[in-house]
């Protein structure tokens, strides 16, 4: 993949906690613009990233990876294995955002290492990839402090947008799990406003999507929505069967 990735606005995607590429293939056929593989809380490891990216590509779906931490090697590893971009957890300051950008970009912008790898077709497109590829860098807003410093974070050059982690955010406000609480709703609105001021994508992971919470997010200005996840869809589908039984 040599071209820099881009997404429509709004962009709708989904989330994978199970590392098996069949899950990515099934969801990719559903018309999502992007899929995100969770290497922080899910079961996926390094060995699963390449197969996840392979599963997404035939359907024109952008593969994104939530790396396990804001560190150089996990970010570099995800991109080398073919990810179009990274979702970086626990970014609560401009300094942390700059570190994520630094890790994701080649010199002179950053410190990503050069190598033959999946992203440049194992070296066949080395020169073009090194010259043209610009990964998406999405930082996660997961704490009260990150909400309060969102303008500084979103102003960092190279940050393409953010993704709110609703459960971590609720925990930081001491209202764990209450993602519809007014404090969380106000925090989400503040983040969306900050993204608009800085010309960045405002993202939100709606774990249990429904027409109301999707419309609320769109109305607030969220243009990057991860909807549900493979584990949620699997459980919800199975529970639906039980509702049909006599």
C-alpha atoms as a PDB file:
ATOM      1  CA  UNK A   1       0.000   0.000   0.000  1.00  0.00           C
ATOM      2  CA  UNK A   2       1.699   3.150  -1.184  1.00  0.00           C
ATOM      3  CA  UNK A   3      -1.022   5.783  -1.122  1.00  0.00           C
ATOM      4  CA  UNK A   4      -1.773   7.735   2.029  1.00  0.00           C
ATOM      5  CA  UNK A   5      -5.053   6.575   3.561  1.00  0.00           C
ATOM      6  CA  UNK A   6      -8.146   8.757   3.636  1.00  0.00           C
ATOM      7  CA  UNK A   7     -11.673   8.431   4.975  1.00  0.00           C
ATOM      8  CA  UNK A   8     -15.000   9.971   3.968  1.00  0.00           C
ATOM      9  CA  UNK A   9     -16.831  12.300   6.330  1.00  0.00           C
ATOM     10  CA  UNK A  10     -18.627  10.897   8.173  1.00  0.00           C
ATOM     11  CA  UNK A  11     -16.767   7.590   8.324  1.00  0.00           C
ATOM     12  CA  UNK A  12     -18.364   4.510   9.853  1.00  0.00           C
ATOM     13  CA  UNK A  13     -16.393   1.539  11.045  1.00  0.00           C
ATOM     14  CA  UNK A  14     -16.360  -1.220  13.596  1.00  0.00           C
ATOM     15  CA  UNK A  15     -14.100  -2.828  16.157  1.00  0.00           C
ATOM     16  CA  UNK A  16     -12.507  -6.244  16.564  1.00  0.00           C
ATOM     17  CA  UNK A  17     -11.429  -7.803  19.843  1.00  0.00           C
ATOM     18  CA  UNK A  18     -10.995 -11.318  18.465  1.00  0.00           C
ATOM     19  CA  UNK A  19      -7.865 -11.596  16.367  1.00  0.00           C
ATOM     20  CA  UNK A  20      -9.098 -14.123  13.809  1.00  0.00           C
ATOM     21  CA  UNK A  21      -9.128 -12.690  10.258  1.00  0.00           C
ATOM     22  CA  UNK A  22     -12.494 -14.313   9.483  1.00  0.00           C
ATOM     23  CA  UNK A  23     -14.108 -11.719  11.740  1.00  0.00           C
ATOM     24  CA  UNK A  24     -12.499  -8.943   9.702  1.00  0.00           C
ATOM     25  CA  UNK A  25     -13.623 -10.527   6.430  1.00  0.00           C
ATOM     26  CA  UNK A  26     -17.222 -10.828   7.647  1.00  0.00           C
ATOM     27  CA  UNK A  27     -17.384  -7.230   8.859  1.00  0.00           C
ATOM     28  CA  UNK A  28     -15.495  -5.853   5.844  1.00  0.00           C
ATOM     29  CA  UNK A  29     -18.214  -7.186   3.558  1.00  0.00           C
ATOM     30  CA  UNK A  30     -20.820  -5.170   5.478  1.00  0.00           C
ATOM     31  CA  UNK A  31     -19.771  -1.845   3.973  1.00  0.00           C
ATOM     32  CA  UNK A  32     -17.770  -0.278   6.802  1.00  0.00           C
ATOM     33  CA  UNK A  33     -15.206   2.344   5.809  1.00  0.00           C
ATOM     34  CA  UNK A  34     -12.667   1.155   8.379  1.00  0.00           C
ATOM     35  CA  UNK A  35     -12.112  -1.611  10.894  1.00  0.00           C
ATOM     36  CA  UNK A  36     -10.027  -1.299  14.045  1.00  0.00           C
ATOM     37  CA  UNK A  37      -8.185  -4.217  15.607  1.00  0.00           C
ATOM     38  CA  UNK A  38      -7.862  -3.900  19.376  1.00  0.00           C
ATOM     39  CA  UNK A  39      -4.378  -4.861  20.552  1.00  0.00           C
ATOM     40  CA  UNK A  40      -4.842  -3.140  23.917  1.00  0.00           C
ATOM     41  CA  UNK A  41      -7.881  -4.880  25.427  1.00  0.00           C
ATOM     42  CA  UNK A  42      -8.604  -7.612  22.882  1.00  0.00           C
ATOM     43  CA  UNK A  43      -6.961 -10.962  22.233  1.00  0.00           C
ATOM     44  CA  UNK A  44      -5.086  -9.861  19.119  1.00  0.00           C
ATOM     45  CA  UNK A  45      -1.310  -9.857  19.156  1.00  0.00           C
ATOM     46  CA  UNK A  46       1.407  -8.950  16.677  1.00  0.00           C
ATOM     47  CA  UNK A  47       0.944 -12.185  14.737  1.00  0.00           C
ATOM     48  CA  UNK A  48      -2.710 -11.305  14.080  1.00  0.00           C
ATOM     49  CA  UNK A  49      -2.126  -7.801  12.675  1.00  0.00           C
ATOM     50  CA  UNK A  50      -0.825  -8.863   9.267  1.00  0.00           C
ATOM     51  CA  UNK A  51      -3.715 -11.271   8.691  1.00  0.00           C
ATOM     52  CA  UNK A  52      -6.213  -8.645   9.817  1.00  0.00           C
ATOM     53  CA  UNK A  53      -4.814  -6.194   7.256  1.00  0.00           C
ATOM     54  CA  UNK A  54      -4.884  -8.858   4.531  1.00  0.00           C
ATOM     55  CA  UNK A  55      -8.539  -9.570   5.308  1.00  0.00           C
ATOM     56  CA  UNK A  56      -9.527  -5.887   5.022  1.00  0.00           C
ATOM     57  CA  UNK A  57      -7.735  -4.962   1.813  1.00  0.00           C
ATOM     58  CA  UNK A  58      -9.787  -6.884  -0.794  1.00  0.00           C
ATOM     59  CA  UNK A  59     -12.899  -4.992   0.317  1.00  0.00           C
ATOM     60  CA  UNK A  60     -11.366  -1.518   0.264  1.00  0.00           C
ATOM     61  CA  UNK A  61     -11.689  -1.197   4.044  1.00  0.00           C
ATOM     62  CA  UNK A  62      -8.973   0.728   5.893  1.00  0.00           C
ATOM     63  CA  UNK A  63      -7.310  -1.418   8.573  1.00  0.00           C
ATOM     64  CA  UNK A  64      -6.525   0.540  11.728  1.00  0.00           C
ATOM     65  CA  UNK A  65      -4.837  -0.865  14.815  1.00  0.00           C
ATOM     66  CA  UNK A  66      -5.325   0.270  18.371  1.00  0.00           C
ATOM     67  CA  UNK A  67      -1.833  -0.368  19.667  1.00  0.00           C
ATOM     68  CA  UNK A  68      -1.278  -1.675  23.157  1.00  0.00           C
ATOM     69  CA  UNK A  69       0.504   1.490  24.337  1.00  0.00           C
ATOM     70  CA  UNK A  70       1.853   4.836  23.208  1.00  0.00           C
ATOM     71  CA  UNK A  71       5.352   3.602  22.470  1.00  0.00           C
ATOM     72  CA  UNK A  72       7.634   3.464  19.452  1.00  0.00           C
ATOM     73  CA  UNK A  73       7.795  -0.267  18.785  1.00  0.00           C
ATOM     74  CA  UNK A  74       4.048  -1.131  18.977  1.00  0.00           C
ATOM     75  CA  UNK A  75       3.230   1.777  16.645  1.00  0.00           C
ATOM     76  CA  UNK A  76       6.029   0.911  14.222  1.00  0.00           C
ATOM     77  CA  UNK A  77       5.069  -2.769  14.298  1.00  0.00           C
ATOM     78  CA  UNK A  78       1.400  -2.114  13.424  1.00  0.00           C
ATOM     79  CA  UNK A  79       2.340   0.073  10.454  1.00  0.00           C
ATOM     80  CA  UNK A  80       5.022  -2.305   9.189  1.00  0.00           C
ATOM     81  CA  UNK A  81       2.460  -5.130   9.213  1.00  0.00           C
ATOM     82  CA  UNK A  82       0.185  -3.155   6.898  1.00  0.00           C
ATOM     83  CA  UNK A  83      -2.045  -0.931   9.021  1.00  0.00           C
ATOM     84  CA  UNK A  84      -3.251   2.278   7.385  1.00  0.00           C
ATOM     85  CA  UNK A  85      -3.024   4.021  10.721  1.00  0.00           C
ATOM     86  CA  UNK A  86      -2.871   3.643  14.459  1.00  0.00           C
ATOM     87  CA  UNK A  87      -5.243   4.439  17.298  1.00  0.00           C
ATOM     88  CA  UNK A  88      -3.105   5.359  20.277  1.00  0.00           C
ATOM     89  CA  UNK A  89      -4.457   4.903  23.821  1.00  0.00           C
ATOM     90  CA  UNK A  90      -4.145   7.121  26.874  1.00  0.00           C
ATOM     91  CA  UNK A  91      -3.126  10.385  25.249  1.00  0.00           C
ATOM     92  CA  UNK A  92      -3.821  13.096  27.812  1.00  0.00           C
ATOM     93  CA  UNK A  93      -1.359  15.815  26.798  1.00  0.00           C
ATOM     94  CA  UNK A  94       0.153  17.494  23.755  1.00  0.00           C
ATOM     95  CA  UNK A  95       3.486  15.901  24.664  1.00  0.00           C
ATOM     96  CA  UNK A  96       1.959  12.407  24.495  1.00  0.00           C
ATOM     97  CA  UNK A  97       0.315  13.261  21.161  1.00  0.00           C
ATOM     98  CA  UNK A  98       3.626  14.431  19.717  1.00  0.00           C
ATOM     99  CA  UNK A  99       5.247  11.180  20.860  1.00  0.00           C
ATOM    100  CA  UNK A 100       2.626   9.171  18.953  1.00  0.00           C
ATOM    101  CA  UNK A 101       3.128  11.212  15.773  1.00  0.00           C
ATOM    102  CA  UNK A 102       6.894  10.953  16.148  1.00  0.00           C
ATOM    103  CA  UNK A 103       6.703   7.153  16.377  1.00  0.00           C
ATOM    104  CA  UNK A 104       4.380   6.809  13.352  1.00  0.00           C
ATOM    105  CA  UNK A 105       6.235   8.973  10.823  1.00  0.00           C
ATOM    106  CA  UNK A 106       9.467   8.488   8.961  1.00  0.00           C
ATOM    107  CA  UNK A 107      12.322  10.982   9.371  1.00  0.00           C
ATOM    108  CA  UNK A 108      12.603  13.901   9.281  1.00  0.00           C
ATOM    109  CA  UNK A 109       9.092  14.180  10.819  1.00  0.00           C
ATOM    110  CA  UNK A 110       9.516  11.183  13.092  1.00  0.00           C
ATOM    111  CA  UNK A 111      11.666   8.191  13.959  1.00  0.00           C
ATOM    112  CA  UNK A 112       9.923   5.250  12.304  1.00  0.00           C
ATOM    113  CA  UNK A 113      12.500   2.795  11.031  1.00  0.00           C
ATOM    114  CA  UNK A 114      12.895   1.947   7.348  1.00  0.00           C
ATOM    115  CA  UNK A 115      12.642  -1.669   6.253  1.00  0.00           C
ATOM    116  CA  UNK A 116      11.165  -4.011   3.704  1.00  0.00           C
ATOM    117  CA  UNK A 117       7.766  -4.943   5.143  1.00  0.00           C
ATOM    118  CA  UNK A 118       4.122  -5.616   4.277  1.00  0.00           C
ATOM    119  CA  UNK A 119       3.267  -1.925   3.975  1.00  0.00           C
ATOM    120  CA  UNK A 120       5.679  -1.419   1.069  1.00  0.00           C
ATOM    121  CA  UNK A 121       4.914  -4.786  -0.576  1.00  0.00           C
ATOM    122  CA  UNK A 122       8.019  -6.370   0.967  1.00  0.00           C
ATOM    123  CA  UNK A 123      10.267  -3.781  -0.612  1.00  0.00           C
ATOM    124  CA  UNK A 124       8.742  -3.762  -4.111  1.00  0.00           C
ATOM    125  CA  UNK A 125       7.303  -0.293  -3.422  1.00  0.00           C
ATOM    126  CA  UNK A 126       9.944   0.808  -0.928  1.00  0.00           C
ATOM    127  CA  UNK A 127      10.779   4.188  -2.492  1.00  0.00           C
ATOM    128  CA  UNK A 128       7.187   5.214  -3.202  1.00  0.00           C
ATOM    129  CA  UNK A 129       5.968   4.124   0.229  1.00  0.00           C
ATOM    130  CA  UNK A 130       8.785   5.897   2.055  1.00  0.00           C
ATOM    131  CA  UNK A 131       8.149   9.070   0.080  1.00  0.00           C
ATOM    132  CA  UNK A 132       4.350   9.177  -0.028  1.00  0.00           C
ATOM    133  CA  UNK A 133       2.768   7.135   2.745  1.00  0.00           C
ATOM    134  CA  UNK A 134       1.386   9.158   5.620  1.00  0.00           C
ATOM    135  CA  UNK A 135      -0.326   7.074   8.303  1.00  0.00           C
ATOM    136  CA  UNK A 136      -3.473   8.128  10.095  1.00  0.00           C
ATOM    137  CA  UNK A 137      -2.730   8.927  13.727  1.00  0.00           C
ATOM    138  CA  UNK A 138      -5.819   8.856  15.930  1.00  0.00           C
ATOM    139  CA  UNK A 139      -5.278   9.618  19.605  1.00  0.00           C
ATOM    140  CA  UNK A 140      -7.619   8.346  22.283  1.00  0.00           C
ATOM    141  CA  UNK A 141      -9.278  10.783  24.670  1.00  0.00           C
ATOM    142  CA  UNK A 142      -9.970   8.629  27.704  1.00  0.00           C
ATOM    143  CA  UNK A 143      -9.708  10.830  30.767  1.00  0.00           C
ATOM    144  CA  UNK A 144     -11.078  13.993  32.292  1.00  0.00           C
ATOM    145  CA  UNK A 145      -7.628  15.546  31.953  1.00  0.00           C
ATOM    146  CA  UNK A 146      -7.526  14.727  28.241  1.00  0.00           C
ATOM    147  CA  UNK A 147     -10.894  16.436  27.741  1.00  0.00           C
ATOM    148  CA  UNK A 148      -9.612  19.518  29.564  1.00  0.00           C
ATOM    149  CA  UNK A 149      -6.450  19.602  27.397  1.00  0.00           C
ATOM    150  CA  UNK A 150      -8.145  18.591  24.162  1.00  0.00           C
ATOM    151  CA  UNK A 151      -7.393  21.864  22.348  1.00  0.00           C
ATOM    152  CA  UNK A 152      -3.665  21.452  22.984  1.00  0.00           C
ATOM    153  CA  UNK A 153      -3.769  17.791  21.884  1.00  0.00           C
ATOM    154  CA  UNK A 154      -5.753  18.471  18.720  1.00  0.00           C
ATOM    155  CA  UNK A 155      -3.424  21.322  17.757  1.00  0.00           C
ATOM    156  CA  UNK A 156      -0.469  18.926  17.425  1.00  0.00           C
ATOM    157  CA  UNK A 157       0.609  18.655  13.793  1.00  0.00           C
ATOM    158  CA  UNK A 158       0.302  15.098  12.528  1.00  0.00           C
ATOM    159  CA  UNK A 159      -2.640  14.189  14.736  1.00  0.00           C
ATOM    160  CA  UNK A 160      -5.512  13.431  12.359  1.00  0.00           C
ATOM    161  CA  UNK A 161      -8.228  13.104  14.952  1.00  0.00           C
ATOM    162  CA  UNK A 162      -9.267  11.548  18.202  1.00  0.00           C
ATOM    163  CA  UNK A 163     -11.409   8.710  19.455  1.00  0.00           C
ATOM    164  CA  UNK A 164     -13.228   8.893  22.753  1.00  0.00           C
ATOM    165  CA  UNK A 165     -12.991   5.818  24.948  1.00  0.00           C
ATOM    166  CA  UNK A 166     -16.399   6.063  26.643  1.00  0.00           C
ATOM    167  CA  UNK A 167     -15.874   3.560  29.459  1.00  0.00           C
ATOM    168  CA  UNK A 168     -12.440   4.833  30.485  1.00  0.00           C
ATOM    169  CA  UNK A 169     -13.791   8.368  30.276  1.00  0.00           C
ATOM    170  CA  UNK A 170     -16.708   7.543  32.553  1.00  0.00           C
ATOM    171  CA  UNK A 171     -14.315   5.936  35.023  1.00  0.00           C
ATOM    172  CA  UNK A 172     -12.161   9.066  35.166  1.00  0.00           C
ATOM    173  CA  UNK A 173     -15.265  11.038  36.174  1.00  0.00           C
ATOM    174  CA  UNK A 174     -16.048   8.405  38.858  1.00  0.00           C
ATOM    175  CA  UNK A 175     -19.266   7.373  37.084  1.00  0.00           C
ATOM    176  CA  UNK A 176     -17.959   4.129  35.633  1.00  0.00           C
ATOM    177  CA  UNK A 177     -20.109   2.660  32.895  1.00  0.00           C
ATOM    178  CA  UNK A 178     -22.566   5.576  32.837  1.00  0.00           C
ATOM    179  CA  UNK A 179     -21.719   6.618  29.293  1.00  0.00           C
ATOM    180  CA  UNK A 180     -25.001   8.536  28.951  1.00  0.00           C
ATOM    181  CA  UNK A 181     -24.375  10.630  32.091  1.00  0.00           C
ATOM    182  CA  UNK A 182     -24.586  14.425  31.517  1.00  0.00           C
ATOM    183  CA  UNK A 183     -20.903  14.831  32.426  1.00  0.00           C
ATOM    184  CA  UNK A 184     -19.902  12.398  29.679  1.00  0.00           C
ATOM    185  CA  UNK A 185     -22.300  13.959  27.188  1.00  0.00           C
ATOM    186  CA  UNK A 186     -20.843  17.400  27.983  1.00  0.00           C
ATOM    187  CA  UNK A 187     -17.300  16.053  27.697  1.00  0.00           C
ATOM    188  CA  UNK A 188     -18.074  14.505  24.312  1.00  0.00           C
ATOM    189  CA  UNK A 189     -19.553  17.781  23.068  1.00  0.00           C
ATOM    190  CA  UNK A 190     -16.454  19.665  24.241  1.00  0.00           C
ATOM    191  CA  UNK A 191     -14.154  17.254  22.392  1.00  0.00           C
ATOM    192  CA  UNK A 192     -16.169  17.557  19.168  1.00  0.00           C
ATOM    193  CA  UNK A 193     -16.011  21.345  19.407  1.00  0.00           C
ATOM    194  CA  UNK A 194     -12.242  21.203  19.898  1.00  0.00           C
ATOM    195  CA  UNK A 195     -11.863  19.017  16.810  1.00  0.00           C
ATOM    196  CA  UNK A 196     -13.894  21.472  14.746  1.00  0.00           C
ATOM    197  CA  UNK A 197     -11.705  24.373  15.893  1.00  0.00           C
ATOM    198  CA  UNK A 198      -8.573  22.476  14.940  1.00  0.00           C
ATOM    199  CA  UNK A 199      -9.810  20.883  11.725  1.00  0.00           C
ATOM    200  CA  UNK A 200      -9.460  17.311  13.021  1.00  0.00           C
ATOM    201  CA  UNK A 201     -11.724  14.251  12.951  1.00  0.00           C
ATOM    202  CA  UNK A 202     -13.856  13.781  16.046  1.00  0.00           C
ATOM    203  CA  UNK A 203     -14.232  10.083  16.780  1.00  0.00           C
ATOM    204  CA  UNK A 204     -16.269   8.038  19.165  1.00  0.00           C
ATOM    205  CA  UNK A 205     -16.565   4.314  19.869  1.00  0.00           C
ATOM    206  CA  UNK A 206     -20.252   3.550  20.362  1.00  0.00           C
ATOM    207  CA  UNK A 207     -19.988   0.073  21.862  1.00  0.00           C
ATOM    208  CA  UNK A 208     -23.732  -0.666  21.878  1.00  0.00           C
ATOM    209  CA  UNK A 209     -25.030   1.328  18.903  1.00  0.00           C
ATOM    210  CA  UNK A 210     -28.656   2.292  18.364  1.00  0.00           C
ATOM    211  CA  UNK A 211     -30.325   4.935  16.183  1.00  0.00           C
ATOM    212  CA  UNK A 212     -30.502   7.428  19.057  1.00  0.00           C
ATOM    213  CA  UNK A 213     -26.857   7.372  20.167  1.00  0.00           C
ATOM    214  CA  UNK A 214     -25.601   7.342  16.575  1.00  0.00           C
ATOM    215  CA  UNK A 215     -27.709  10.387  15.726  1.00  0.00           C
ATOM    216  CA  UNK A 216     -26.601  12.159  18.910  1.00  0.00           C
ATOM    217  CA  UNK A 217     -22.956  11.656  17.953  1.00  0.00           C
ATOM    218  CA  UNK A 218     -23.527  12.936  14.420  1.00  0.00           C
ATOM    219  CA  UNK A 219     -25.452  15.944  15.702  1.00  0.00           C
ATOM    220  CA  UNK A 220     -22.594  16.782  18.063  1.00  0.00           C
ATOM    221  CA  UNK A 221     -20.202  16.803  15.105  1.00  0.00           C
ATOM    222  CA  UNK A 222     -18.610  13.359  15.360  1.00  0.00           C
ATOM    223  CA  UNK A 223     -17.422  12.268  11.927  1.00  0.00           C
ATOM    224  CA  UNK A 224     -15.466   9.103  12.799  1.00  0.00           C
ATOM    225  CA  UNK A 225     -17.669   6.468  14.429  1.00  0.00           C
ATOM    226  CA  UNK A 226     -16.663   2.951  15.454  1.00  0.00           C
ATOM    227  CA  UNK A 227     -19.922   1.050  15.877  1.00  0.00           C
ATOM    228  CA  UNK A 228     -20.146  -2.069  18.006  1.00  0.00           C
ATOM    229  CA  UNK A 229     -17.523  -4.799  17.859  1.00  0.00           C
ATOM    230  CA  UNK A 230     -17.230  -8.430  16.918  1.00  0.00           C
ATOM    231  CA  UNK A 231     -17.753  -9.702  20.460  1.00  0.00           C
ATOM    232  CA  UNK A 232     -20.868  -7.539  20.887  1.00  0.00           C
ATOM    233  CA  UNK A 233     -22.337  -8.663  17.559  1.00  0.00           C
ATOM    234  CA  UNK A 234     -21.688 -12.327  18.372  1.00  0.00           C
ATOM    235  CA  UNK A 235     -23.345 -12.142  21.775  1.00  0.00           C
ATOM    236  CA  UNK A 236     -26.256  -9.976  20.599  1.00  0.00           C
ATOM    237  CA  UNK A 237     -26.938 -12.351  17.693  1.00  0.00           C
ATOM    238  CA  UNK A 238     -26.917 -15.380  19.959  1.00  0.00           C
ATOM    239  CA  UNK A 239     -29.211 -13.708  22.489  1.00  0.00           C
ATOM    240  CA  UNK A 240     -31.608 -12.815  19.685  1.00  0.00           C
ATOM    241  CA  UNK A 241     -31.988 -16.488  18.878  1.00  0.00           C
ATOM    242  CA  UNK A 242     -33.084 -17.188  22.445  1.00  0.00           C
ATOM    243  CA  UNK A 243     -35.767 -14.539  22.132  1.00  0.00           C
ATOM    244  CA  UNK A 244     -37.226 -16.464  19.189  1.00  0.00           C
ATOM    245  CA  UNK A 245     -37.474 -19.775  21.038  1.00  0.00           C
ATOM    246  CA  UNK A 246     -40.792 -20.921  22.528  1.00  0.00           C
END
